[in-house]
C-alpha atoms as a PDB file:
ATOM      1  CA  LEU A   1     200.443  17.746 279.703  1.00  0.00           C
ATOM      2  CA  ARG A   2     196.862  18.661 278.871  1.00  0.00           C
ATOM      3  CA  LEU A   3     197.640  20.730 275.745  1.00  0.00           C
ATOM      4  CA  ASN A   4     198.919  18.909 272.687  1.00  0.00           C
ATOM      5  CA  TYR A   5     201.038  20.981 270.310  1.00  0.00           C
ATOM      6  CA  ARG A   6     202.215  18.109 268.097  1.00  0.00           C
ATOM      7  CA  THR A   7     199.181  16.684 266.375  1.00  0.00           C
ATOM      8  CA  THR A   8     195.715  17.771 265.310  1.00  0.00           C
ATOM      9  CA  GLU A   9     192.684  17.477 267.549  1.00  0.00           C
ATOM     10  CA  GLU A  10     191.198  14.988 265.082  1.00  0.00           C
ATOM     11  CA  THR A  11     194.180  12.632 265.322  1.00  0.00           C
ATOM     12  CA  ARG A  12     194.525  13.116 269.082  1.00  0.00           C
ATOM     13  CA  ALA A  13     190.854  12.332 269.676  1.00  0.00           C
ATOM     14  CA  TYR A  14     190.956   9.192 267.526  1.00  0.00           C
ATOM     15  CA  ALA A  15     194.166   7.955 269.152  1.00  0.00           C
ATOM     16  CA  MET A  16     192.790   8.719 272.617  1.00  0.00           C
ATOM     17  CA  ALA A  17     189.656   6.689 271.841  1.00  0.00           C
ATOM     18  CA  LEU A  18     191.920   3.662 271.369  1.00  0.00           C
ATOM     19  CA  LEU A  19     192.865   4.019 275.042  1.00  0.00           C
ATOM     20  CA  ARG A  20     189.285   4.290 276.282  1.00  0.00           C
ATOM     21  CA  GLY A  21     188.880   2.416 279.520  1.00  0.00           C
ATOM     22  CA  LEU A  22     192.530   2.694 280.543  1.00  0.00           C
ATOM     23  CA  SER A  23     193.480   5.045 283.374  1.00  0.00           C
ATOM     24  CA  PHE A  24     196.694   7.026 283.587  1.00  0.00           C
ATOM     25  CA  ASP A  25     198.382   9.048 286.294  1.00  0.00           C
ATOM     26  CA  ASP A  26     198.332  12.768 285.439  1.00  0.00           C
ATOM     27  CA  LEU A  27     201.599  13.185 287.419  1.00  0.00           C
ATOM     28  CA  ASP A  28     199.691  15.135 290.078  1.00  0.00           C
ATOM     29  CA  GLY A  29     198.355  12.017 291.810  1.00  0.00           C
ATOM     30  CA  ALA A  30     195.035  11.906 289.954  1.00  0.00           C
ATOM     31  CA  ALA A  31     193.744   9.730 287.141  1.00  0.00           C
ATOM     32  CA  LEU A  32     193.793  11.337 283.704  1.00  0.00           C
ATOM     33  CA  ALA A  33     190.362  11.259 282.054  1.00  0.00           C
ATOM     34  CA  ASP A  34     189.900  10.404 278.388  1.00  0.00           C
ATOM     35  CA  ASP A  35     188.946  13.974 277.512  1.00  0.00           C
ATOM     36  CA  ALA A  36     191.397  15.795 279.779  1.00  0.00           C
ATOM     37  CA  SER A  37     193.758  16.818 276.966  1.00  0.00           C
ATOM     38  CA  ALA A  38     193.163  18.791 273.786  1.00  0.00           C
ATOM     39  CA  SER A  39     195.074  19.913 270.747  1.00  0.00           C
ATOM     40  CA  LEU A  40     195.283  23.495 269.540  1.00  0.00           C
ATOM     41  CA  LEU A  41     195.632  22.348 265.907  1.00  0.00           C
ATOM     42  CA  HIS A  42     192.896  21.110 263.579  1.00  0.00           C
ATOM     43  CA  GLY A  43     193.004  19.138 260.355  1.00  0.00           C
ATOM     44  CA  ALA A  44     191.769  16.058 258.554  1.00  0.00           C
ATOM     45  CA  ARG A  45     190.442  13.066 260.446  1.00  0.00           C
ATOM     46  CA  PRO A  46     192.671   9.995 260.298  1.00  0.00           C
ATOM     47  CA  HIS A  47     192.213   7.977 257.118  1.00  0.00           C
ATOM     48  CA  VAL A  48     191.177   4.474 258.221  1.00  0.00           C
ATOM     49  CA  GLN A  49     190.968   1.722 255.594  1.00  0.00           C
ATOM     50  CA  LEU A  50     190.899  -2.062 255.407  1.00  0.00           C
ATOM     51  CA  PHE A  51     192.187  -3.791 252.269  1.00  0.00           C
ATOM     52  CA  ARG A  52     191.417  -7.316 251.083  1.00  0.00           C
ATOM     53  CA  ALA A  53     195.069  -8.132 250.439  1.00  0.00           C
ATOM     54  CA  ALA A  54     198.546  -6.787 251.179  1.00  0.00           C
ATOM     55  CA  GLN A  55     199.035  -5.863 247.501  1.00  0.00           C
ATOM     56  CA  GLU A  56     196.012  -3.553 247.649  1.00  0.00           C
ATOM     57  CA  GLU A  57     197.404  -1.812 250.724  1.00  0.00           C
ATOM     58  CA  ILE A  58     200.777  -1.368 248.984  1.00  0.00           C
ATOM     59  CA  ALA A  59     199.086   0.080 245.874  1.00  0.00           C
ATOM     60  CA  PHE A  60     197.208   2.562 248.067  1.00  0.00           C
ATOM     61  CA  LEU A  61     200.405   3.561 249.883  1.00  0.00           C
ATOM     62  CA  LYS A  62     202.249   4.185 246.617  1.00  0.00           C
ATOM     63  CA  THR A  63     199.430   6.323 245.248  1.00  0.00           C
ATOM     64  CA  GLU A  64     198.851   8.309 248.443  1.00  0.00           C
ATOM     65  CA  ILE A  65     202.542   8.974 249.107  1.00  0.00           C
ATOM     66  CA  ALA A  66     203.090   9.992 245.462  1.00  0.00           C
ATOM     67  CA  THR A  67     200.164  12.428 245.763  1.00  0.00           C
ATOM     68  CA  LEU A  68     201.619  13.976 248.908  1.00  0.00           C
ATOM     69  CA  VAL A  69     204.987  14.420 247.171  1.00  0.00           C
ATOM     70  CA  GLN A  70     203.303  15.973 244.121  1.00  0.00           C
ATOM     71  CA  ASN A  71     201.640  18.414 246.509  1.00  0.00           C
ATOM     72  CA  GLY A  72     205.012  19.527 247.863  1.00  0.00           C
ATOM     73  CA  VAL A  73     205.513  17.279 250.894  1.00  0.00           C
ATOM     74  CA  ALA A  74     209.141  16.171 251.269  1.00  0.00           C
ATOM     75  CA  LEU A  75     209.676  12.417 251.674  1.00  0.00           C
ATOM     76  CA  PRO A  76     211.513  12.842 255.019  1.00  0.00           C
ATOM     77  CA  ASP A  77     208.283  14.390 256.373  1.00  0.00           C
ATOM     78  CA  ILE A  78     206.412  11.121 255.718  1.00  0.00           C
ATOM     79  CA  CYS A  79     206.852   8.024 257.877  1.00  0.00           C
ATOM     80  CA  LEU A  80     205.501   4.521 257.359  1.00  0.00           C
ATOM     81  CA  ILE A  81     205.215   2.622 260.641  1.00  0.00           C
ATOM     82  CA  ALA A  82     204.773  -1.117 261.213  1.00  0.00           C
ATOM     83  CA  ARG A  83     204.539  -3.237 264.370  1.00  0.00           C
ATOM     84  CA  SER A  84     207.561  -5.489 263.754  1.00  0.00           C
ATOM     85  CA  HIS A  85     210.891  -5.497 261.961  1.00  0.00           C
ATOM     86  CA  VAL A  86     209.740  -8.407 259.772  1.00  0.00           C
ATOM     87  CA  LEU A  87     206.612  -6.550 258.656  1.00  0.00           C
ATOM     88  CA  LEU A  88     208.569  -3.340 258.147  1.00  0.00           C
ATOM     89  CA  ALA A  89     211.035  -5.203 255.905  1.00  0.00           C
ATOM     90  CA  SER A  90     208.166  -6.301 253.650  1.00  0.00           C
ATOM     91  CA  TYR A  91     206.995  -2.683 253.239  1.00  0.00           C
ATOM     92  CA  LEU A  92     210.558  -1.548 252.594  1.00  0.00           C
ATOM     93  CA  GLN A  93     210.963  -4.151 249.862  1.00  0.00           C
ATOM     94  CA  ALA A  94     207.628  -3.206 248.263  1.00  0.00           C
ATOM     95  CA  LEU A  95     208.245   0.574 248.294  1.00  0.00           C
ATOM     96  CA  ARG A  96     211.981   0.738 247.619  1.00  0.00           C
ATOM     97  CA  GLY A  97     211.530   0.622 243.824  1.00  0.00           C
ATOM     98  CA  THR A  98     209.060   3.533 243.893  1.00  0.00           C
ATOM     99  CA  PHE A  99     210.577   5.874 246.476  1.00  0.00           C
ATOM    100  CA  PRO A 100     213.995   6.378 248.017  1.00  0.00           C
ATOM    101  CA  CYS A 101     213.626   4.876 251.497  1.00  0.00           C
ATOM    102  CA  TYR A 102     215.403   5.451 254.792  1.00  0.00           C
ATOM    103  CA  GLU A 103     214.840   2.969 257.590  1.00  0.00           C
ATOM    104  CA  LEU A 104     215.145   4.374 261.082  1.00  0.00           C
ATOM    105  CA  GLN A 105     217.332   2.018 263.081  1.00  0.00           C
ATOM    106  CA  ARG A 106     216.815   1.254 266.761  1.00  0.00           C
ATOM    107  CA  ASP A 107     220.047   2.643 268.234  1.00  0.00           C
ATOM    108  CA  THR A 108     220.892   5.236 265.583  1.00  0.00           C
ATOM    109  CA  PRO A 109     219.640   8.845 265.669  1.00  0.00           C
ATOM    110  CA  GLU A 110     217.662   9.927 262.635  1.00  0.00           C
ATOM    111  CA  ASP A 111     219.802  11.841 260.135  1.00  0.00           C
ATOM    112  CA  ARG A 112     217.505  14.583 258.798  1.00  0.00           C
ATOM    113  CA  ARG A 113     220.080  15.347 256.093  1.00  0.00           C
ATOM    114  CA  GLN A 114     219.381  11.892 254.675  1.00  0.00           C
ATOM    115  CA  GLY A 115     216.584  11.974 252.103  1.00  0.00           C
ATOM    116  CA  GLY A 116     213.886   9.406 251.573  1.00  0.00           C
ATOM    117  CA  LEU A 117     210.613   8.133 252.901  1.00  0.00           C
ATOM    118  CA  ARG A 118     211.013   7.215 256.571  1.00  0.00           C
ATOM    119  CA  LEU A 119     210.172   3.672 257.694  1.00  0.00           C
ATOM    120  CA  ALA A 120     210.201   2.641 261.340  1.00  0.00           C
ATOM    121  CA  THR A 121     208.779   0.219 263.850  1.00  0.00           C
ATOM    122  CA  MET A 122     206.212   1.401 266.362  1.00  0.00           C
ATOM    123  CA  HIS A 123     208.842   1.301 269.109  1.00  0.00           C
ATOM    124  CA  ARG A 124     211.366   3.320 267.082  1.00  0.00           C
ATOM    125  CA  VAL A 125     209.108   6.321 266.409  1.00  0.00           C
ATOM    126  CA  LYS A 126     208.690   7.229 270.061  1.00  0.00           C
ATOM    127  CA  GLY A 127     209.669  10.870 270.482  1.00  0.00           C
ATOM    128  CA  LEU A 128     209.704  11.632 266.732  1.00  0.00           C
ATOM    129  CA  GLU A 129     207.342  13.761 264.623  1.00  0.00           C
ATOM    130  CA  PHE A 130     206.397  13.694 260.942  1.00  0.00           C
ATOM    131  CA  GLN A 131     203.867  15.674 258.953  1.00  0.00           C
ATOM    132  CA  TYR A 132     202.236  12.470 257.701  1.00  0.00           C
ATOM    133  CA  VAL A 133     202.209   9.029 259.301  1.00  0.00           C
ATOM    134  CA  PHE A 134     201.070   5.775 257.712  1.00  0.00           C
ATOM    135  CA  LEU A 135     200.484   3.135 260.370  1.00  0.00           C
ATOM    136  CA  CYS A 136     200.245  -0.023 258.270  1.00  0.00           C
ATOM    137  CA  GLY A 137     199.522  -3.697 258.737  1.00  0.00           C
ATOM    138  CA  VAL A 138     197.312  -3.132 261.768  1.00  0.00           C
ATOM    139  CA  ASN A 139     196.082  -6.686 261.303  1.00  0.00           C
ATOM    140  CA  ASP A 140     194.613  -9.358 263.484  1.00  0.00           C
ATOM    141  CA  GLY A 141     197.508 -11.420 264.827  1.00  0.00           C
ATOM    142  CA  ILE A 142     200.079  -8.683 264.205  1.00  0.00           C
ATOM    143  CA  LEU A 143     198.802  -6.130 266.707  1.00  0.00           C
ATOM    144  CA  PRO A 144     198.752  -7.524 269.289  1.00  0.00           C
ATOM    145  CA  PRO A 145     201.103 -10.362 268.366  1.00  0.00           C
ATOM    146  CA  HIS A 146     199.542 -13.869 268.455  1.00  0.00           C
ATOM    147  CA  GLY A 147     201.343 -14.891 271.644  1.00  0.00           C
ATOM    148  CA  ILE A 148     199.667 -12.308 273.876  1.00  0.00           C
ATOM    149  CA  ALA A 149     196.165 -13.764 273.578  1.00  0.00           C
ATOM    150  CA  SER A 150     197.399 -17.174 274.720  1.00  0.00           C
ATOM    151  CA  MET A 151     199.203 -15.962 277.848  1.00  0.00           C
ATOM    152  CA  ALA A 152     198.073 -18.038 280.831  1.00  0.00           C
ATOM    153  CA  ASP A 153     198.361 -15.328 283.486  1.00  0.00           C
ATOM    154  CA  PRO A 154     195.457 -12.860 283.000  1.00  0.00           C
ATOM    155  CA  VAL A 155     197.301 -10.032 284.768  1.00  0.00           C
ATOM    156  CA  VAL A 156     200.358 -10.392 282.511  1.00  0.00           C
ATOM    157  CA  ARG A 157     198.078 -10.688 279.454  1.00  0.00           C
ATOM    158  CA  ASP A 158     196.128  -7.524 280.381  1.00  0.00           C
ATOM    159  CA  GLU A 159     199.366  -5.585 280.926  1.00  0.00           C
ATOM    160  CA  ALA A 160     200.706  -6.760 277.562  1.00  0.00           C
ATOM    161  CA  LEU A 161     197.464  -5.715 275.822  1.00  0.00           C
ATOM    162  CA  MET A 162     197.583  -2.319 277.542  1.00  0.00           C
ATOM    163  CA  SER A 163     201.157  -1.904 276.325  1.00  0.00           C
ATOM    164  CA  GLU A 164     200.065  -2.691 272.752  1.00  0.00           C
ATOM    165  CA  ARG A 165     197.244  -0.144 272.922  1.00  0.00           C
ATOM    166  CA  CYS A 166     199.660   2.490 274.224  1.00  0.00           C
ATOM    167  CA  LEU A 167     202.098   1.650 271.432  1.00  0.00           C
ATOM    168  CA  LEU A 168     199.312   2.181 268.894  1.00  0.00           C
ATOM    169  CA  TYR A 169     198.475   5.538 270.491  1.00  0.00           C
ATOM    170  CA  VAL A 170     202.104   6.669 270.391  1.00  0.00           C
ATOM    171  CA  ALA A 171     202.528   5.658 266.739  1.00  0.00           C
ATOM    172  CA  LEU A 172     199.394   7.507 265.604  1.00  0.00           C
ATOM    173  CA  THR A 173     200.258  10.676 267.486  1.00  0.00           C
ATOM    174  CA  ARG A 174     203.569  11.041 265.651  1.00  0.00           C
ATOM    175  CA  ALA A 175     201.520  12.669 262.864  1.00  0.00           C
ATOM    176  CA  GLN A 176     201.523  16.448 262.848  1.00  0.00           C
ATOM    177  CA  ARG A 177     199.081  16.960 259.963  1.00  0.00           C
ATOM    178  CA  LYS A 178     197.405  13.647 259.116  1.00  0.00           C
ATOM    179  CA  ALA A 179     197.497  10.008 260.179  1.00  0.00           C
ATOM    180  CA  TYR A 180     196.600   6.959 258.093  1.00  0.00           C
ATOM    181  CA  LEU A 181     195.643   3.634 259.652  1.00  0.00           C
ATOM    182  CA  SER A 182     195.418   0.568 257.420  1.00  0.00           C
ATOM    183  CA  ALA A 183     195.217  -3.199 257.515  1.00  0.00           C
ATOM    184  CA  PHE A 184     194.720  -6.058 255.095  1.00  0.00           C
ATOM    185  CA  GLY A 185     192.602  -9.133 255.640  1.00  0.00           C
ATOM    186  CA  ALA A 186     191.203  -8.446 259.120  1.00  0.00           C
ATOM    187  CA  TRP A 187     191.552  -5.557 261.551  1.00  0.00           C
ATOM    188  CA  SER A 188     193.386  -5.892 264.826  1.00  0.00           C
ATOM    189  CA  SER A 189     191.072  -6.567 267.749  1.00  0.00           C
ATOM    190  CA  LEU A 190     192.539  -3.416 269.332  1.00  0.00           C
ATOM    191  CA  VAL A 191     190.996  -1.136 266.708  1.00  0.00           C
ATOM    192  CA  LYS A 192     187.779  -2.989 265.738  1.00  0.00           C
ATOM    193  CA  PRO A 193     185.669  -1.306 268.437  1.00  0.00           C
ATOM    194  CA  PHE A 194     186.872   2.153 267.341  1.00  0.00           C
ATOM    195  CA  LEU A 195     186.471   1.955 263.562  1.00  0.00           C
ATOM    196  CA  PRO A 196     184.576   4.911 262.096  1.00  0.00           C
END
């Protein structure tokens, strides 16, 4: 569990920083330290960018994905990830006219024979891998969802926030070669302390 073969050290380190302060069982009865794991692969640091408006983020996505395709990356090796089904639907609508798209459904296995840019929620990508991952809409109020901050029970609220941070970690570490993290308007409070 201490060697990561899926993603680059640069992506692993950035994603792990998002969990700073949380402790995990290493399955041997000890707490897992932040720096206890490492990746054998190296590559580009995650691309982290805030846009003023959703349209600017969409324009960036179209340009960046088109560049990857021009450089020989197959669309099924690229996945766009969003926190919710509603947000994912907005990205699907915006990108569908530019790229063939394939939405990964909750209870349906991915069909690798099916072409197209992959789109999935953060929950759906657990256990999957893609060369390039675009984690989009990492906005204030979306991640974590508005309701978590107003939870009355502090223990329940802290557990819900920890779950959101873990979800963010899982989504970022689906990237084998490079991860992109973007938002429009204002960053999520979960990533603000860790912006480059």
